[in-house]
C-alpha atoms as a PDB file:
ATOM      1  CA  MET A   1      -0.021   0.006  -0.020  1.00  0.00           C
ATOM      2  CA  ALA A   2       1.584   3.236  -1.159  1.00  0.00           C
ATOM      3  CA  ALA A   3       1.737   6.254   1.118  1.00  0.00           C
ATOM      4  CA  VAL A   4      -0.345   9.099  -0.018  1.00  0.00           C
ATOM      5  CA  GLY A   5       1.114  12.426  -0.938  1.00  0.00           C
ATOM      6  CA  PRO A   6       1.059  15.614   1.050  1.00  0.00           C
ATOM      7  CA  ALA A   7      -1.818  18.073   0.910  1.00  0.00           C
ATOM      8  CA  ARG A   8      -1.977  20.361  -2.094  1.00  0.00           C
ATOM      9  CA  ASN A   9      -4.047  23.377  -2.835  1.00  0.00           C
ATOM     10  CA  THR A  10      -6.728  21.584  -4.879  1.00  0.00           C
ATOM     11  CA  TRP A  11      -9.701  23.550  -3.555  1.00  0.00           C
ATOM     12  CA  GLN A  12      -9.314  26.677  -5.655  1.00  0.00           C
ATOM     13  CA  PRO A  13     -10.079  25.044  -9.031  1.00  0.00           C
ATOM     14  CA  LEU A  14     -12.872  23.075  -7.447  1.00  0.00           C
ATOM     15  CA  GLN A  15     -14.355  26.250  -5.993  1.00  0.00           C
ATOM     16  CA  GLN A  16     -14.136  28.023  -9.318  1.00  0.00           C
ATOM     17  CA  THR A  17     -15.849  25.110 -11.153  1.00  0.00           C
ATOM     18  CA  CYS A  18     -18.649  24.965  -8.618  1.00  0.00           C
ATOM     19  CA  THR A  19     -19.059  28.739  -8.627  1.00  0.00           C
ATOM     20  CA  ARG A  20     -19.372  28.927 -12.433  1.00  0.00           C
ATOM     21  CA  SER A  21     -21.838  26.029 -12.452  1.00  0.00           C
ATOM     22  CA  LEU A  22     -23.993  27.628  -9.808  1.00  0.00           C
ATOM     23  CA  GLN A  23     -23.848  31.151 -11.278  1.00  0.00           C
ATOM     24  CA  ARG A  24     -25.457  29.774 -14.387  1.00  0.00           C
ATOM     25  CA  MET A  25     -28.358  28.596 -12.192  1.00  0.00           C
ATOM     26  CA  GLY A  26     -28.534  31.760 -10.170  1.00  0.00           C
ATOM     27  CA  LYS A  27     -27.270  30.067  -6.978  1.00  0.00           C
ATOM     28  CA  LYS A  28     -24.408  30.626  -4.571  1.00  0.00           C
ATOM     29  CA  LEU A  29     -22.292  28.344  -2.426  1.00  0.00           C
ATOM     30  CA  PRO A  30     -21.671  29.427   1.127  1.00  0.00           C
ATOM     31  CA  PHE A  31     -17.942  30.098   0.601  1.00  0.00           C
ATOM     32  CA  SER A  32     -17.211  31.608   3.999  1.00  0.00           C
ATOM     33  CA  SER A  33     -13.931  30.283   5.250  1.00  0.00           C
ATOM     34  CA  PHE A  34     -12.580  29.082   8.610  1.00  0.00           C
ATOM     35  CA  GLN A  35      -9.356  27.610   9.818  1.00  0.00           C
ATOM     36  CA  PHE A  36      -8.310  24.969  12.238  1.00  0.00           C
ATOM     37  CA  GLY A  37      -4.644  24.392  12.959  1.00  0.00           C
ATOM     38  CA  ASN A  38      -2.789  25.162   9.778  1.00  0.00           C
ATOM     39  CA  ILE A  39      -5.754  24.076   7.527  1.00  0.00           C
ATOM     40  CA  GLU A  40      -7.768  26.696   5.686  1.00  0.00           C
ATOM     41  CA  VAL A  41     -11.284  25.503   4.845  1.00  0.00           C
ATOM     42  CA  ASN A  42     -12.821  27.542   2.051  1.00  0.00           C
ATOM     43  CA  SER A  43     -16.496  26.653   2.330  1.00  0.00           C
ATOM     44  CA  VAL A  44     -18.791  25.722   5.106  1.00  0.00           C
ATOM     45  CA  LEU A  45     -19.673  22.290   3.563  1.00  0.00           C
ATOM     46  CA  VAL A  46     -17.984  19.289   4.962  1.00  0.00           C
ATOM     47  CA  ALA A  47     -18.433  15.587   4.096  1.00  0.00           C
ATOM     48  CA  ALA A  48     -19.139  13.305   7.007  1.00  0.00           C
ATOM     49  CA  PRO A  49     -17.167  10.051   7.636  1.00  0.00           C
ATOM     50  CA  MET A  50     -19.567   7.172   6.872  1.00  0.00           C
ATOM     51  CA  ASP A  51     -18.439   3.581   7.421  1.00  0.00           C
ATOM     52  CA  GLY A  52     -18.963   1.517   4.322  1.00  0.00           C
ATOM     53  CA  ILE A  53     -19.652   4.571   2.246  1.00  0.00           C
ATOM     54  CA  SER A  54     -16.876   7.183   2.454  1.00  0.00           C
ATOM     55  CA  ASP A  55     -14.314   5.458   0.232  1.00  0.00           C
ATOM     56  CA  SER A  56     -11.849   7.334  -1.975  1.00  0.00           C
ATOM     57  CA  ALA A  57     -14.129   7.337  -5.023  1.00  0.00           C
ATOM     58  CA  PHE A  58     -17.081   8.719  -3.141  1.00  0.00           C
ATOM     59  CA  ARG A  59     -14.946  11.299  -1.339  1.00  0.00           C
ATOM     60  CA  CYS A  60     -13.714  12.493  -4.770  1.00  0.00           C
ATOM     61  CA  ILE A  61     -17.316  12.780  -5.995  1.00  0.00           C
ATOM     62  CA  LEU A  62     -18.200  14.935  -3.023  1.00  0.00           C
ATOM     63  CA  ARG A  63     -15.082  17.099  -3.402  1.00  0.00           C
ATOM     64  CA  ARG A  64     -15.950  17.688  -7.058  1.00  0.00           C
ATOM     65  CA  GLN A  65     -19.410  18.695  -6.077  1.00  0.00           C
ATOM     66  CA  GLY A  66     -18.167  21.169  -3.566  1.00  0.00           C
ATOM     67  CA  ALA A  67     -17.216  19.545  -0.228  1.00  0.00           C
ATOM     68  CA  ALA A  68     -14.379  21.540   1.241  1.00  0.00           C
ATOM     69  CA  LEU A  69     -13.261  18.917   3.724  1.00  0.00           C
ATOM     70  CA  CYS A  70     -13.380  15.057   3.854  1.00  0.00           C
ATOM     71  CA  TYR A  71     -12.802  12.283   6.399  1.00  0.00           C
ATOM     72  CA  THR A  72     -11.990   8.614   5.846  1.00  0.00           C
ATOM     73  CA  GLU A  73     -14.385   5.940   7.020  1.00  0.00           C
ATOM     74  CA  PHE A  74     -13.726   5.416  10.725  1.00  0.00           C
ATOM     75  CA  ILE A  75     -10.701   3.186  11.310  1.00  0.00           C
ATOM     76  CA  ASN A  76     -10.421   0.710  14.209  1.00  0.00           C
ATOM     77  CA  ALA A  77      -7.177   1.381  16.049  1.00  0.00           C
ATOM     78  CA  GLN A  78      -6.727  -2.381  16.397  1.00  0.00           C
ATOM     79  CA  ASP A  79      -6.893  -2.854  12.621  1.00  0.00           C
ATOM     80  CA  VAL A  80      -4.145  -0.277  12.216  1.00  0.00           C
ATOM     81  CA  LEU A  81      -1.904  -1.852  14.834  1.00  0.00           C
ATOM     82  CA  ASN A  82      -2.465  -5.352  13.413  1.00  0.00           C
ATOM     83  CA  HIS A  83      -2.239  -4.118   9.807  1.00  0.00           C
ATOM     84  CA  SER A  84      -5.506  -5.944   8.953  1.00  0.00           C
ATOM     85  CA  ILE A  85      -7.019  -6.367   5.515  1.00  0.00           C
ATOM     86  CA  LEU A  86      -9.843  -4.037   6.438  1.00  0.00           C
ATOM     87  CA  PHE A  87      -7.376  -1.242   7.447  1.00  0.00           C
ATOM     88  CA  ARG A  88      -5.423  -1.737   4.185  1.00  0.00           C
ATOM     89  CA  ARG A  89      -8.660  -1.555   2.138  1.00  0.00           C
ATOM     90  CA  LYS A  90      -9.745   1.707   3.830  1.00  0.00           C
ATOM     91  CA  LEU A  91      -6.460   3.451   3.048  1.00  0.00           C
ATOM     92  CA  ALA A  92      -5.462   1.627  -0.130  1.00  0.00           C
ATOM     93  CA  ALA A  93      -6.284   4.694  -2.189  1.00  0.00           C
ATOM     94  CA  VAL A  94      -6.308   8.305  -1.180  1.00  0.00           C
ATOM     95  CA  ARG A  95      -6.201  10.599  -4.100  1.00  0.00           C
ATOM     96  CA  GLU A  96      -4.464  13.907  -4.292  1.00  0.00           C
ATOM     97  CA  GLU A  97      -7.745  15.881  -4.729  1.00  0.00           C
ATOM     98  CA  GLU A  98      -9.056  14.602  -1.432  1.00  0.00           C
ATOM     99  CA  HIS A  99      -6.789  16.824   0.635  1.00  0.00           C
ATOM    100  CA  PRO A 100      -7.303  18.235   3.098  1.00  0.00           C
ATOM    101  CA  ILE A 101      -8.451  14.921   4.611  1.00  0.00           C
ATOM    102  CA  GLY A 102      -8.721  13.639   8.094  1.00  0.00           C
ATOM    103  CA  PHE A 103      -8.238  10.070   9.166  1.00  0.00           C
ATOM    104  CA  GLN A 104     -10.777   9.107  11.781  1.00  0.00           C
ATOM    105  CA  VAL A 105      -9.767   6.655  14.468  1.00  0.00           C
ATOM    106  CA  TYR A 106     -11.687   4.818  17.244  1.00  0.00           C
ATOM    107  CA  ASP A 107     -10.963   2.610  20.201  1.00  0.00           C
ATOM    108  CA  ALA A 108     -11.728   2.447  23.980  1.00  0.00           C
ATOM    109  CA  ASP A 109      -8.084   2.349  24.916  1.00  0.00           C
ATOM    110  CA  PRO A 110      -6.146   5.670  24.787  1.00  0.00           C
ATOM    111  CA  ASN A 111      -2.856   3.753  24.211  1.00  0.00           C
ATOM    112  CA  ALA A 112      -4.305   2.079  21.156  1.00  0.00           C
ATOM    113  CA  VAL A 113      -5.750   5.308  19.767  1.00  0.00           C
ATOM    114  CA  VAL A 114      -2.451   7.174  20.240  1.00  0.00           C
ATOM    115  CA  ALA A 115      -0.360   4.333  18.747  1.00  0.00           C
ATOM    116  CA  ALA A 116      -2.700   3.988  15.773  1.00  0.00           C
ATOM    117  CA  ALA A 117      -2.741   7.710  15.105  1.00  0.00           C
ATOM    118  CA  GLN A 118       1.017   7.855  15.219  1.00  0.00           C
ATOM    119  CA  LYS A 119       1.222   4.993  12.743  1.00  0.00           C
ATOM    120  CA  LEU A 120      -1.244   6.616  10.412  1.00  0.00           C
ATOM    121  CA  THR A 121       0.851   9.710   9.964  1.00  0.00           C
ATOM    122  CA  ARG A 122       3.002   7.798   7.495  1.00  0.00           C
ATOM    123  CA  PHE A 123       0.083   8.063   5.068  1.00  0.00           C
ATOM    124  CA  LYS A 124       0.200  11.875   5.258  1.00  0.00           C
ATOM    125  CA  PRO A 125      -3.256  12.789   6.676  1.00  0.00           C
ATOM    126  CA  ASP A 126      -3.804  16.519   7.061  1.00  0.00           C
ATOM    127  CA  PHE A 127      -5.397  15.929  10.498  1.00  0.00           C
ATOM    128  CA  ILE A 128      -6.446  13.116  12.825  1.00  0.00           C
ATOM    129  CA  ASP A 129      -9.992  12.907  13.963  1.00  0.00           C
ATOM    130  CA  ILE A 130     -11.097  11.021  17.109  1.00  0.00           C
ATOM    131  CA  ASN A 131     -14.395   9.292  16.873  1.00  0.00           C
ATOM    132  CA  ILE A 132     -16.390  10.057  20.036  1.00  0.00           C
ATOM    133  CA  GLY A 133     -19.795   9.754  18.402  1.00  0.00           C
ATOM    134  CA  CYS A 134     -20.422   6.324  16.866  1.00  0.00           C
ATOM    135  CA  SER A 135     -23.628   4.966  18.414  1.00  0.00           C
ATOM    136  CA  VAL A 136     -23.466   1.469  16.935  1.00  0.00           C
ATOM    137  CA  ALA A 137     -23.625  -1.058  19.765  1.00  0.00           C
ATOM    138  CA  ARG A 138     -20.586  -3.105  18.750  1.00  0.00           C
ATOM    139  CA  VAL A 139     -18.516   0.101  19.053  1.00  0.00           C
ATOM    140  CA  ALA A 140     -20.220   2.176  21.807  1.00  0.00           C
ATOM    141  CA  ASN A 141     -20.897  -0.684  24.173  1.00  0.00           C
ATOM    142  CA  ARG A 142     -17.243  -1.556  24.463  1.00  0.00           C
ATOM    143  CA  GLY A 143     -16.394   2.037  25.380  1.00  0.00           C
ATOM    144  CA  ALA A 144     -15.267   3.306  22.011  1.00  0.00           C
ATOM    145  CA  GLY A 145     -17.046   5.904  19.870  1.00  0.00           C
ATOM    146  CA  ALA A 146     -19.879   7.436  21.868  1.00  0.00           C
ATOM    147  CA  GLY A 147     -18.832   5.171  24.724  1.00  0.00           C
ATOM    148  CA  LEU A 148     -15.872   7.567  25.419  1.00  0.00           C
ATOM    149  CA  LEU A 149     -18.414  10.260  26.440  1.00  0.00           C
ATOM    150  CA  LEU A 150     -18.900   8.316  29.646  1.00  0.00           C
ATOM    151  CA  GLU A 151     -15.124   8.510  30.356  1.00  0.00           C
ATOM    152  CA  PRO A 152     -13.959  12.120  29.877  1.00  0.00           C
ATOM    153  CA  GLU A 153     -10.568  11.371  31.473  1.00  0.00           C
ATOM    154  CA  LYS A 154      -9.738   9.107  28.508  1.00  0.00           C
ATOM    155  CA  ILE A 155     -10.640  11.833  26.058  1.00  0.00           C
ATOM    156  CA  ALA A 156      -8.328  14.241  27.912  1.00  0.00           C
ATOM    157  CA  GLU A 157      -5.517  11.715  27.824  1.00  0.00           C
ATOM    158  CA  ILE A 158      -5.941  11.103  24.123  1.00  0.00           C
ATOM    159  CA  PHE A 159      -5.847  14.767  23.238  1.00  0.00           C
ATOM    160  CA  ASP A 160      -2.947  15.567  25.574  1.00  0.00           C
ATOM    161  CA  ARG A 161      -0.806  12.844  24.157  1.00  0.00           C
ATOM    162  CA  LEU A 162      -1.608  13.381  20.516  1.00  0.00           C
ATOM    163  CA  THR A 163      -1.390  17.191  20.554  1.00  0.00           C
ATOM    164  CA  ASN A 164       1.973  16.909  22.322  1.00  0.00           C
ATOM    165  CA  THR A 165       3.463  14.330  19.884  1.00  0.00           C
ATOM    166  CA  LEU A 166       1.953  15.053  16.405  1.00  0.00           C
ATOM    167  CA  SER A 167       2.381  18.238  14.384  1.00  0.00           C
ATOM    168  CA  ILE A 168      -0.983  17.983  12.582  1.00  0.00           C
ATOM    169  CA  PRO A 169      -4.327  19.159  14.081  1.00  0.00           C
ATOM    170  CA  ILE A 170      -6.305  16.698  16.241  1.00  0.00           C
ATOM    171  CA  THR A 171      -9.997  17.008  16.009  1.00  0.00           C
ATOM    172  CA  ALA A 172     -13.100  15.070  17.246  1.00  0.00           C
ATOM    173  CA  LYS A 173     -16.581  14.147  16.177  1.00  0.00           C
ATOM    174  CA  ILE A 174     -18.900  13.905  19.158  1.00  0.00           C
ATOM    175  CA  ARG A 175     -22.558  13.333  20.076  1.00  0.00           C
ATOM    176  CA  LEU A 176     -24.453  15.229  22.773  1.00  0.00           C
ATOM    177  CA  GLY A 177     -24.045  12.537  25.327  1.00  0.00           C
ATOM    178  CA  TRP A 178     -24.703   8.875  26.083  1.00  0.00           C
ATOM    179  CA  ASP A 179     -28.458   9.488  26.690  1.00  0.00           C
ATOM    180  CA  GLU A 180     -30.710  12.322  27.836  1.00  0.00           C
ATOM    181  CA  SER A 181     -29.661  11.973  31.456  1.00  0.00           C
ATOM    182  CA  HIS A 182     -26.013  12.083  30.401  1.00  0.00           C
ATOM    183  CA  SER A 183     -25.993  15.078  28.035  1.00  0.00           C
ATOM    184  CA  ASN A 184     -22.397  16.252  28.767  1.00  0.00           C
ATOM    185  CA  TYR A 185     -21.639  17.897  25.461  1.00  0.00           C
ATOM    186  CA  LEU A 186     -20.510  21.233  26.998  1.00  0.00           C
ATOM    187  CA  GLU A 187     -18.120  19.492  29.406  1.00  0.00           C
ATOM    188  CA  ILE A 188     -16.714  17.376  26.574  1.00  0.00           C
ATOM    189  CA  SER A 189     -16.428  20.315  24.189  1.00  0.00           C
ATOM    190  CA  HIS A 190     -14.501  22.370  26.781  1.00  0.00           C
ATOM    191  CA  LEU A 191     -12.301  19.392  27.564  1.00  0.00           C
ATOM    192  CA  ILE A 192     -11.339  18.870  23.949  1.00  0.00           C
ATOM    193  CA  GLU A 193     -10.520  22.542  23.521  1.00  0.00           C
ATOM    194  CA  THR A 194      -8.555  22.725  26.767  1.00  0.00           C
ATOM    195  CA  HIS A 195      -6.451  19.671  25.921  1.00  0.00           C
ATOM    196  CA  GLY A 196      -5.479  20.889  22.447  1.00  0.00           C
ATOM    197  CA  GLY A 197      -8.244  19.844  20.150  1.00  0.00           C
ATOM    198  CA  ALA A 198      -8.384  22.009  16.954  1.00  0.00           C
ATOM    199  CA  MET A 199     -11.993  21.482  15.972  1.00  0.00           C
ATOM    200  CA  ILE A 200     -15.173  19.710  16.989  1.00  0.00           C
ATOM    201  CA  ALA A 201     -17.894  18.246  14.758  1.00  0.00           C
ATOM    202  CA  VAL A 202     -21.159  17.809  16.716  1.00  0.00           C
ATOM    203  CA  HIS A 203     -23.913  15.357  15.814  1.00  0.00           C
ATOM    204  CA  GLY A 204     -26.978  16.855  17.487  1.00  0.00           C
ATOM    205  CA  ARG A 205     -28.249  13.610  18.952  1.00  0.00           C
ATOM    206  CA  THR A 206     -27.362  11.333  21.877  1.00  0.00           C
ATOM    207  CA  ARG A 207     -25.955   7.812  21.530  1.00  0.00           C
ATOM    208  CA  GLN A 208     -29.329   6.493  22.698  1.00  0.00           C
ATOM    209  CA  GLN A 209     -31.147   8.247  19.851  1.00  0.00           C
ATOM    210  CA  GLY A 210     -29.003   6.739  17.127  1.00  0.00           C
ATOM    211  CA  PHE A 211     -30.361   8.473  13.994  1.00  0.00           C
ATOM    212  CA  GLN A 212     -33.917   8.735  15.311  1.00  0.00           C
ATOM    213  CA  GLY A 213     -35.753  11.804  16.411  1.00  0.00           C
ATOM    214  CA  LYS A 214     -34.907  15.388  15.575  1.00  0.00           C
ATOM    215  CA  ALA A 215     -31.319  16.692  15.862  1.00  0.00           C
ATOM    216  CA  ASN A 216     -30.903  19.309  18.613  1.00  0.00           C
ATOM    217  CA  TRP A 217     -29.469  22.282  16.854  1.00  0.00           C
ATOM    218  CA  ASP A 218     -29.908  24.392  19.963  1.00  0.00           C
ATOM    219  CA  ALA A 219     -27.191  22.266  21.658  1.00  0.00           C
ATOM    220  CA  ILE A 220     -24.882  22.897  18.701  1.00  0.00           C
ATOM    221  CA  ARG A 221     -25.482  26.666  19.088  1.00  0.00           C
ATOM    222  CA  GLU A 222     -24.610  26.354  22.786  1.00  0.00           C
ATOM    223  CA  ILE A 223     -21.314  24.678  22.043  1.00  0.00           C
ATOM    224  CA  LYS A 224     -20.498  27.335  19.481  1.00  0.00           C
ATOM    225  CA  LYS A 225     -21.100  30.039  22.033  1.00  0.00           C
ATOM    226  CA  GLU A 226     -19.015  28.326  24.745  1.00  0.00           C
ATOM    227  CA  ILE A 227     -15.794  27.454  22.842  1.00  0.00           C
ATOM    228  CA  SER A 228     -13.431  29.273  20.545  1.00  0.00           C
ATOM    229  CA  ILE A 229     -12.259  26.519  18.220  1.00  0.00           C
ATOM    230  CA  PRO A 230     -14.337  25.880  15.079  1.00  0.00           C
ATOM    231  CA  VAL A 231     -17.599  23.891  15.474  1.00  0.00           C
ATOM    232  CA  ILE A 232     -19.103  21.846  12.665  1.00  0.00           C
ATOM    233  CA  GLY A 233     -22.852  21.194  12.948  1.00  0.00           C
ATOM    234  CA  ASN A 234     -24.239  17.763  11.885  1.00  0.00           C
ATOM    235  CA  GLY A 235     -27.750  16.230  11.909  1.00  0.00           C
ATOM    236  CA  ASP A 236     -30.897  16.619   9.771  1.00  0.00           C
ATOM    237  CA  VAL A 237     -29.299  18.459   6.858  1.00  0.00           C
ATOM    238  CA  LYS A 238     -31.152  16.961   3.956  1.00  0.00           C
ATOM    239  CA  ARG A 239     -31.909  19.890   1.651  1.00  0.00           C
ATOM    240  CA  VAL A 240     -30.392  23.235   0.563  1.00  0.00           C
ATOM    241  CA  ASP A 241     -32.854  25.001   2.918  1.00  0.00           C
ATOM    242  CA  ASP A 242     -31.479  23.009   5.879  1.00  0.00           C
ATOM    243  CA  ILE A 243     -27.906  24.236   5.134  1.00  0.00           C
ATOM    244  CA  HIS A 244     -29.077  27.861   5.388  1.00  0.00           C
ATOM    245  CA  ALA A 245     -31.258  27.091   8.448  1.00  0.00           C
ATOM    246  CA  MET A 246     -28.509  25.425  10.400  1.00  0.00           C
ATOM    247  CA  LEU A 247     -26.066  28.260   9.672  1.00  0.00           C
ATOM    248  CA  ALA A 248     -28.627  30.809  10.782  1.00  0.00           C
ATOM    249  CA  GLU A 249     -29.750  28.932  13.923  1.00  0.00           C
ATOM    250  CA  THR A 250     -26.390  27.669  15.259  1.00  0.00           C
ATOM    251  CA  ARG A 251     -23.832  30.137  13.871  1.00  0.00           C
ATOM    252  CA  CYS A 252     -21.555  27.102  13.489  1.00  0.00           C
ATOM    253  CA  ASP A 253     -18.445  27.369  11.310  1.00  0.00           C
ATOM    254  CA  GLY A 254     -19.308  24.487   9.031  1.00  0.00           C
ATOM    255  CA  ILE A 255     -22.111  22.053   8.119  1.00  0.00           C
ATOM    256  CA  MET A 256     -21.354  18.340   7.951  1.00  0.00           C
ATOM    257  CA  ILE A 257     -23.472  16.379   5.559  1.00  0.00           C
ATOM    258  CA  GLY A 258     -23.734  12.619   5.867  1.00  0.00           C
ATOM    259  CA  ARG A 259     -26.541  10.267   4.959  1.00  0.00           C
ATOM    260  CA  ALA A 260     -28.298  12.791   2.706  1.00  0.00           C
ATOM    261  CA  ALA A 261     -25.279  12.838   0.442  1.00  0.00           C
ATOM    262  CA  ILE A 262     -25.596   9.187  -0.391  1.00  0.00           C
ATOM    263  CA  ALA A 263     -28.727   9.902  -2.414  1.00  0.00           C
ATOM    264  CA  ASN A 264     -27.826  13.444  -3.305  1.00  0.00           C
ATOM    265  CA  PRO A 265     -24.128  14.229  -3.614  1.00  0.00           C
ATOM    266  CA  TRP A 266     -25.225  17.350  -5.532  1.00  0.00           C
ATOM    267  CA  LEU A 267     -26.274  18.847  -2.195  1.00  0.00           C
ATOM    268  CA  PHE A 268     -22.631  19.981  -1.909  1.00  0.00           C
ATOM    269  CA  SER A 269     -23.243  22.138  -4.971  1.00  0.00           C
ATOM    270  CA  MET A 270     -26.320  23.524  -3.229  1.00  0.00           C
ATOM    271  CA  ARG A 271     -28.821  21.622  -5.396  1.00  0.00           C
ATOM    272  CA  ASP A 272     -31.670  19.457  -4.204  1.00  0.00           C
ATOM    273  CA  ARG A 273     -32.139  16.056  -5.886  1.00  0.00           C
ATOM    274  CA  HIS A 274     -35.134  17.041  -8.011  1.00  0.00           C
ATOM    275  CA  GLU A 275     -33.019  19.684  -9.767  1.00  0.00           C
ATOM    276  CA  ILE A 276     -30.597  17.126 -11.230  1.00  0.00           C
ATOM    277  CA  ALA A 277     -31.100  16.073 -14.791  1.00  0.00           C
ATOM    278  CA  ASN A 278     -30.854  12.427 -15.719  1.00  0.00           C
ATOM    279  CA  ALA A 279     -27.859  13.102 -17.875  1.00  0.00           C
ATOM    280  CA  GLU A 280     -25.943  14.504 -14.918  1.00  0.00           C
ATOM    281  CA  VAL A 281     -26.888  11.513 -12.803  1.00  0.00           C
ATOM    282  CA  TYR A 282     -25.643   9.166 -15.430  1.00  0.00           C
ATOM    283  CA  ALA A 283     -22.342  11.157 -15.827  1.00  0.00           C
ATOM    284  CA  LEU A 284     -21.695  10.924 -12.101  1.00  0.00           C
ATOM    285  CA  ILE A 285     -22.455   7.188 -12.020  1.00  0.00           C
ATOM    286  CA  GLN A 286     -20.005   6.625 -14.792  1.00  0.00           C
ATOM    287  CA  GLU A 287     -17.345   8.759 -13.047  1.00  0.00           C
ATOM    288  CA  GLN A 288     -17.689   7.038  -9.667  1.00  0.00           C
ATOM    289  CA  LEU A 289     -17.876   3.485 -11.020  1.00  0.00           C
ATOM    290  CA  ALA A 290     -14.669   4.143 -12.994  1.00  0.00           C
ATOM    291  CA  MET A 291     -12.838   5.175  -9.929  1.00  0.00           C
ATOM    292  CA  MET A 292     -14.153   2.204  -7.923  1.00  0.00           C
ATOM    293  CA  ILE A 293     -12.998  -0.227 -10.555  1.00  0.00           C
ATOM    294  CA  ALA A 294      -9.564   1.372 -10.515  1.00  0.00           C
ATOM    295  CA  ASP A 295      -9.513   0.875  -6.710  1.00  0.00           C
ATOM    296  CA  TYR A 296     -11.102  -2.543  -6.357  1.00  0.00           C
ATOM    297  CA  GLU A 297     -11.165  -4.155  -9.798  1.00  0.00           C
ATOM    298  CA  GLU A 298     -14.376  -4.741 -11.696  1.00  0.00           C
ATOM    299  CA  GLU A 299     -16.239  -7.568  -9.889  1.00  0.00           C
ATOM    300  CA  PRO A 300     -15.887  -6.292  -6.299  1.00  0.00           C
ATOM    301  CA  ALA A 301     -16.426  -2.689  -7.524  1.00  0.00           C
ATOM    302  CA  LEU A 302     -19.836  -3.678  -9.029  1.00  0.00           C
ATOM    303  CA  LEU A 303     -20.860  -5.270  -5.738  1.00  0.00           C
ATOM    304  CA  LEU A 304     -19.805  -2.304  -3.670  1.00  0.00           C
ATOM    305  CA  PHE A 305     -21.447   0.097  -6.098  1.00  0.00           C
ATOM    306  CA  ARG A 306     -24.922  -1.456  -5.597  1.00  0.00           C
ATOM    307  CA  LYS A 307     -25.710   0.644  -2.522  1.00  0.00           C
ATOM    308  CA  PHE A 308     -25.015   3.849  -4.481  1.00  0.00           C
ATOM    309  CA  ILE A 309     -27.102   2.793  -7.501  1.00  0.00           C
ATOM    310  CA  ASN A 310     -30.033   2.162  -5.227  1.00  0.00           C
ATOM    311  CA  HIS A 311     -29.813   5.681  -3.833  1.00  0.00           C
ATOM    312  CA  TYR A 312     -28.950   7.548  -7.018  1.00  0.00           C
ATOM    313  CA  LEU A 313     -31.945   6.006  -8.879  1.00  0.00           C
ATOM    314  CA  THR A 314     -34.501   6.553  -6.033  1.00  0.00           C
ATOM    315  CA  PRO A 315     -36.552   9.065  -8.020  1.00  0.00           C
ATOM    316  CA  LEU A 316     -37.224   6.309 -10.608  1.00  0.00           C
ATOM    317  CA  HIS A 317     -39.098   4.294  -7.924  1.00  0.00           C
ATOM    318  CA  LEU A 318     -37.723   1.004  -9.189  1.00  0.00           C
ATOM    319  CA  ASP A 319     -39.525  -2.134  -8.086  1.00  0.00           C
ATOM    320  CA  ARG A 320     -37.786  -5.197  -6.696  1.00  0.00           C
ATOM    321  CA  SER A 321     -37.592  -6.967 -10.053  1.00  0.00           C
ATOM    322  CA  GLN A 322     -35.939  -3.940 -11.635  1.00  0.00           C
ATOM    323  CA  LYS A 323     -33.424  -3.622  -8.912  1.00  0.00           C
ATOM    324  CA  THR A 324     -32.708  -7.442  -9.066  1.00  0.00           C
ATOM    325  CA  ALA A 325     -32.110  -7.175 -12.763  1.00  0.00           C
ATOM    326  CA  LEU A 326     -29.689  -4.226 -12.236  1.00  0.00           C
ATOM    327  CA  PHE A 327     -27.782  -6.037  -9.545  1.00  0.00           C
ATOM    328  CA  ASP A 328     -27.388  -9.090 -11.765  1.00  0.00           C
ATOM    329  CA  HIS A 329     -25.117  -7.410 -14.238  1.00  0.00           C
ATOM    330  CA  ARG A 330     -21.514  -8.732 -14.145  1.00  0.00           C
ATOM    331  CA  THR A 331     -19.777  -6.114 -16.223  1.00  0.00           C
ATOM    332  CA  ALA A 332     -19.639  -2.321 -15.953  1.00  0.00           C
ATOM    333  CA  LYS A 333     -20.482  -1.968 -19.583  1.00  0.00           C
ATOM    334  CA  SER A 334     -23.765  -3.892 -19.308  1.00  0.00           C
ATOM    335  CA  LEU A 335     -24.718  -2.202 -16.095  1.00  0.00           C
ATOM    336  CA  LEU A 336     -24.203   1.216 -17.530  1.00  0.00           C
ATOM    337  CA  ARG A 337     -26.149   0.365 -20.563  1.00  0.00           C
ATOM    338  CA  ALA A 338     -29.070  -0.684 -18.363  1.00  0.00           C
ATOM    339  CA  ILE A 339     -28.867   2.405 -16.246  1.00  0.00           C
ATOM    340  CA  GLU A 340     -28.782   4.544 -19.412  1.00  0.00           C
ATOM    341  CA  GLU A 341     -32.056   2.860 -20.627  1.00  0.00           C
ATOM    342  CA  LEU A 342     -33.717   3.384 -17.247  1.00  0.00           C
ATOM    343  CA  LEU A 343     -32.822   7.073 -17.299  1.00  0.00           C
ATOM    344  CA  ASP A 344     -34.145   7.285 -20.847  1.00  0.00           C
ATOM    345  CA  LEU A 345     -30.941   8.797 -22.245  1.00  0.00           C
END
């Protein structure tokens, strides 16, 4: 696995491309900038780390649409330390255009998190992000992810050690607490800042909520008022109007978009899904699939691409038999031909 190259200033041409495209449609991207550590972020729109989704090809798609910042899928510290196949797959390809990029790490043991983060620096991440927000039982119930919210002293140790030993920014993605009776987001936010954290992304739900219920943007606004490092708001951003609403209500520095981007990567260019012509959908599908084949080879790429097809073609309301027929294709050429027919191109 080859090490990735250092960060380059790839944002400017991306910004210009997005700006020109949106000017033609009478729209604007929210290009206010902010900085954390030595990293300048030239838009408020940030792509969330999504396990099983945020591979290199998808990150490139989001960057090309306007995402100013990306993260890897979360990486188990034990996989890094044991150099597992899963770890190698997640970092097998990081393209130049993905910078600035953060590598997100999780574990319940501060020693493991620190050792893994130190090992990951050989792949030239622009920053290391500590996952303090994953609500999945297999992660949180063993004290990792959102489980760390119950042990603030571990969070302090991780940030103390990493900010004292690494030269790149250390950030965190958190939730509001373990549950409603343990909503310690202000304590955790202050702690991260005090112990050297450079930025915090906040999912406006507790671990108990998972992805259910309404995200609490008021809590994100509270955090932004209380600390001086940049705050990224996350949760219930599904449409262009939601981007404007979260900025207005929370005054946060950036907006992190996750699940909504799977069906609508064009949200990063400030467009809702119904605004996207079928020809543009098809072009993006071709682009992403080509990158995935380059990364995984054709057969596994086609399998991995199924989840994206299902989302990208949602407006067509395909029935089970149509989806089954699509997923039965064994070559990219035949799959693309079938998609082209469905899109009536």
